Amino acid sequence: MRRLLSLFAVAFACLASNAFASDVSPIVQADERIGGRSLADWEVAWSKWSFGFTNSELGEKTGCLPQPSSAPVHFLVIPESDDDVNAIPCTVPAGSYLLLGEPQIYCTDIDPEPAYPTTAKGLARCARHYWHQLTDPHPRVVLDGQPIPNGYVVHTRAFRFRLPPRDNMFDLPGVRRGRAAVVARVTLLRPAGSR
């Protein structure tokens, strides 16, 4: 289980962004689909992507990590730190949606929580339980110095993921595949110019 605790603010510094249009929300709404995917589907894609990095890569303060090649969404990750405010400096292609899949709680069969079975339902119950216990209910998100609405809390189905064989986030050598369920606050920003 990953316990991502209170995030009081997340500051995006994305060079491709523009000021918001006052009549359009800067974030994708809970019932919208982007590229045929719901917010929960994008959170699964984001989680699989983030599980694929080594601890060394996730610990870098650069903000931009290699991206899936054909997705209309650019994934962002908060660098590992104990700070209450985290900045993500990142230059992204114009026309990209930006997704932050954190804060999140995930439960896995690789690092099981003893009180919950590693079935799909057990992993989902585990993530829901710790979400309510451990996360900040009111994180602040700032884009280019302007506060924007928080994203939406989503609950994913159980999904399979792959880890690097060394230096993975669970510090388990040789473990390459697992299954997880996630509860996260997903913030999916519209492309610059459509806000």
Protein backbone atom coordinates (compact mmCIF):
# COMPACT_ATOMS: atom_id res chain seq x y z
CA MET A 1 0.00 0.00 0.00
CA ARG A 2 1.23 3.46 -0.82
CA ARG A 3 0.36 6.18 1.60
CA LEU A 4 0.59 9.52 -0.11
CA LEU A 5 -0.22 11.95 2.67
CA SER A 6 -1.37 15.54 2.77
CA LEU A 7 -0.61 17.69 -0.22
CA PHE A 8 -1.50 21.24 0.69
CA ALA A 9 -0.65 22.62 -2.72
CA VAL A 10 0.63 21.44 -6.02
CA ALA A 11 2.02 24.10 -8.31
CA PHE A 12 2.11 23.34 -12.01
CA ALA A 13 4.56 25.47 -13.96
CA CYS A 14 3.75 24.40 -17.49
CA LEU A 15 5.21 26.54 -20.21
CA ALA A 16 2.54 25.62 -22.78
CA SER A 17 -0.34 26.96 -20.70
CA ASN A 18 -2.32 30.16 -21.22
CA ALA A 19 -4.74 32.13 -19.07
CA PHE A 20 -8.15 30.52 -18.57
CA ALA A 21 -11.22 31.59 -20.45
CA SER A 22 -13.71 32.61 -17.79
CA ASP A 23 -16.59 30.55 -19.25
CA VAL A 24 -14.77 27.20 -19.47
CA SER A 25 -13.54 25.20 -16.48
CA PRO A 26 -9.79 24.56 -16.70
CA ILE A 27 -10.32 20.97 -15.54
CA VAL A 28 -12.09 18.11 -17.27
CA GLN A 29 -15.36 17.34 -15.49
CA ALA A 30 -16.11 14.01 -13.78
CA ASP A 31 -18.47 12.75 -16.49
CA GLU A 32 -16.36 13.74 -19.53
CA ARG A 33 -14.41 11.28 -21.65
CA ILE A 34 -11.09 12.20 -23.24
CA GLY A 35 -9.78 9.95 -26.01
CA GLY A 36 -12.62 7.55 -25.17
CA ARG A 37 -11.48 7.18 -21.54
CA SER A 38 -13.07 8.22 -18.25
CA LEU A 39 -11.11 9.87 -15.43
CA ALA A 40 -10.85 6.46 -13.70
CA ASP A 41 -9.46 4.94 -16.91
CA TRP A 42 -6.88 7.74 -17.14
CA GLU A 43 -5.93 7.17 -13.50
CA VAL A 44 -5.26 3.50 -14.29
CA ALA A 45 -3.08 4.56 -17.24
CA TRP A 46 -1.28 7.12 -15.05
CA SER A 47 -0.71 4.55 -12.28
CA LYS A 48 0.67 1.93 -14.68
CA TRP A 49 2.95 4.61 -16.13
CA SER A 50 4.20 5.75 -12.71
CA PHE A 51 4.77 2.16 -11.46
CA GLY A 52 7.10 1.68 -14.44
CA PHE A 53 9.74 4.12 -13.17
CA THR A 54 12.61 3.41 -10.84
CA ASN A 55 12.96 5.16 -7.48
CA SER A 56 15.89 7.10 -8.93
CA GLU A 57 13.77 8.42 -11.81
CA LEU A 58 10.85 9.32 -9.53
CA GLY A 59 13.18 11.12 -7.12
CA GLU A 60 14.42 13.56 -9.77
CA LYS A 61 13.23 17.13 -9.33
CA THR A 62 12.90 17.86 -13.05
CA GLY A 63 9.16 17.18 -13.20
CA CYS A 64 8.90 15.86 -16.77
CA LEU A 65 9.29 12.11 -17.22
CA PRO A 66 9.13 10.15 -20.50
CA GLN A 67 5.57 9.91 -21.79
CA PRO A 68 3.43 7.34 -23.59
CA SER A 69 3.90 8.21 -27.26
CA SER A 70 0.37 8.39 -28.65
CA ALA A 71 -1.74 9.58 -25.71
CA PRO A 72 -3.54 12.94 -25.93
CA VAL A 73 -2.77 13.33 -22.21
CA HIS A 74 0.61 14.35 -20.77
CA PHE A 75 1.22 12.72 -17.36
CA LEU A 76 2.75 14.66 -14.46
CA VAL A 77 4.12 13.26 -11.23
CA ILE A 78 4.98 15.00 -7.96
CA PRO A 79 8.68 14.46 -7.18
CA GLU A 80 9.20 12.47 -3.99
CA SER A 81 9.65 14.90 -1.07
CA ASP A 82 8.37 15.70 2.40
CA ASP A 83 7.40 19.24 1.39
CA ASP A 84 3.84 20.50 1.82
CA VAL A 85 4.11 22.44 -1.45
CA ASN A 86 5.49 20.78 -4.55
CA ALA A 87 6.24 22.42 -7.89
CA ILE A 88 6.24 20.50 -11.15
CA PRO A 89 8.24 22.48 -13.72
CA CYS A 90 7.47 20.94 -17.06
CA THR A 91 7.28 21.99 -20.70
CA VAL A 92 4.58 20.10 -22.57
CA PRO A 93 3.45 20.04 -26.20
CA ALA A 94 0.76 22.56 -27.12
CA GLY A 95 -2.67 20.97 -27.32
CA SER A 96 -1.95 18.36 -24.62
CA TYR A 97 -4.20 17.62 -21.70
CA LEU A 98 -2.25 17.50 -18.41
CA LEU A 99 -3.00 14.83 -15.84
CA LEU A 100 -1.94 14.69 -12.22
CA GLY A 101 -3.02 11.38 -10.68
CA GLU A 102 -2.12 12.36 -7.13
CA PRO A 103 -2.77 12.40 -4.24
CA GLN A 104 -3.53 8.73 -4.40
CA ILE A 105 -3.74 5.64 -2.24
CA TYR A 106 -3.15 2.28 -3.80
CA CYS A 107 -3.24 -1.22 -2.44
CA THR A 108 -1.39 -4.04 -4.21
CA ASP A 109 -0.86 -7.76 -4.08
CA ILE A 110 2.91 -7.12 -4.24
CA ASP A 111 2.91 -5.26 -0.92
CA PRO A 112 -0.35 -6.50 0.63
CA GLU A 113 -2.06 -4.92 3.59
CA PRO A 114 -2.64 -7.82 6.05
CA ALA A 115 -6.18 -6.72 6.96
CA TYR A 116 -7.42 -7.02 3.35
CA PRO A 117 -7.47 -9.91 0.88
CA THR A 118 -5.64 -9.46 -2.42
CA THR A 119 -8.76 -10.12 -4.46
CA ALA A 120 -10.03 -7.33 -6.72
CA LYS A 121 -12.69 -6.40 -4.13
CA GLY A 122 -10.22 -6.61 -1.24
CA LEU A 123 -7.72 -4.30 -2.96
CA ALA A 124 -10.50 -1.79 -3.74
CA ARG A 125 -11.78 -1.87 -0.13
CA CYS A 126 -8.24 -1.40 1.17
CA ALA A 127 -7.65 1.67 -1.04
CA ARG A 128 -11.01 3.22 -0.03
CA HIS A 129 -10.30 2.64 3.67
CA TYR A 130 -6.87 4.27 3.64
CA TRP A 131 -8.01 7.11 1.35
CA HIS A 132 -10.40 8.28 4.06
CA GLN A 133 -7.79 7.87 6.78
CA LEU A 134 -4.69 9.34 5.19
CA THR A 135 -5.32 11.95 2.52
CA ASP A 136 -5.85 15.68 2.75
CA PRO A 137 -9.50 16.30 1.78
CA HIS A 138 -8.74 19.84 0.55
CA PRO A 139 -5.49 20.00 -1.44
CA ARG A 140 -4.83 23.20 -3.41
CA VAL A 141 -3.80 23.11 -7.04
CA VAL A 142 -2.16 26.12 -8.70
CA LEU A 143 -1.39 26.52 -12.41
CA ASP A 144 1.00 29.30 -13.40
CA GLY A 145 0.33 31.06 -10.11
CA GLN A 146 -3.47 30.88 -10.34
CA PRO A 147 -5.55 28.57 -8.12
CA ILE A 148 -7.72 26.14 -10.05
CA PRO A 149 -10.47 23.77 -8.87
CA ASN A 150 -9.39 20.46 -7.38
CA GLY A 151 -9.91 17.39 -9.50
CA TYR A 152 -12.32 14.59 -8.77
CA VAL A 153 -11.94 11.57 -6.50
CA VAL A 154 -12.01 8.38 -8.56
CA HIS A 155 -12.00 4.70 -7.63
CA THR A 156 -10.36 2.36 -10.12
CA ARG A 157 -11.05 -1.25 -10.83
CA ALA A 158 -8.25 -3.68 -9.98
CA PHE A 159 -5.64 -3.61 -12.74
CA ARG A 160 -2.36 -5.30 -13.60
CA PHE A 161 0.91 -3.38 -13.72
CA ARG A 162 4.59 -3.98 -14.38
CA LEU A 163 7.56 -2.85 -12.27
CA PRO A 164 11.21 -2.34 -13.15
CA PRO A 165 13.21 -5.40 -11.98
CA ARG A 166 15.49 -3.25 -9.77
CA ASP A 167 15.12 0.00 -7.82
CA ASN A 168 11.32 -0.17 -8.07
CA MET A 169 9.06 1.72 -5.67
CA PHE A 170 8.53 -1.39 -3.55
CA ASP A 171 12.28 -2.15 -3.30
CA LEU A 172 11.59 -5.74 -4.31
CA PRO A 173 14.21 -7.19 -6.66
CA GLY A 174 12.93 -9.39 -9.44
CA VAL A 175 9.23 -8.70 -8.87
CA ARG A 176 7.93 -7.53 -12.21
CA ARG A 177 4.13 -7.80 -12.24
CA GLY A 178 1.38 -7.05 -9.77
CA ARG A 179 -2.20 -6.03 -9.36
CA ALA A 180 -3.54 -2.88 -7.66
CA ALA A 181 -6.63 -0.80 -7.01
CA VAL A 182 -6.44 2.97 -6.53
CA VAL A 183 -8.40 5.82 -5.04
CA ALA A 184 -7.07 9.17 -6.23
CA ARG A 185 -7.92 12.81 -6.76
CA VAL A 186 -7.45 13.16 -10.51
CA THR A 187 -6.87 16.62 -11.93
CA LEU A 188 -7.05 16.59 -15.73
CA LEU A 189 -6.38 20.02 -17.23
CA ARG A 190 -7.67 21.06 -20.63
CA PRO A 191 -5.17 22.00 -23.34
CA ALA A 192 -3.91 25.57 -23.41
CA GLY A 193 -6.25 27.78 -25.40
CA SER A 194 -9.36 25.72 -24.57
CA ARG A 195 -9.52 26.97 -21.00
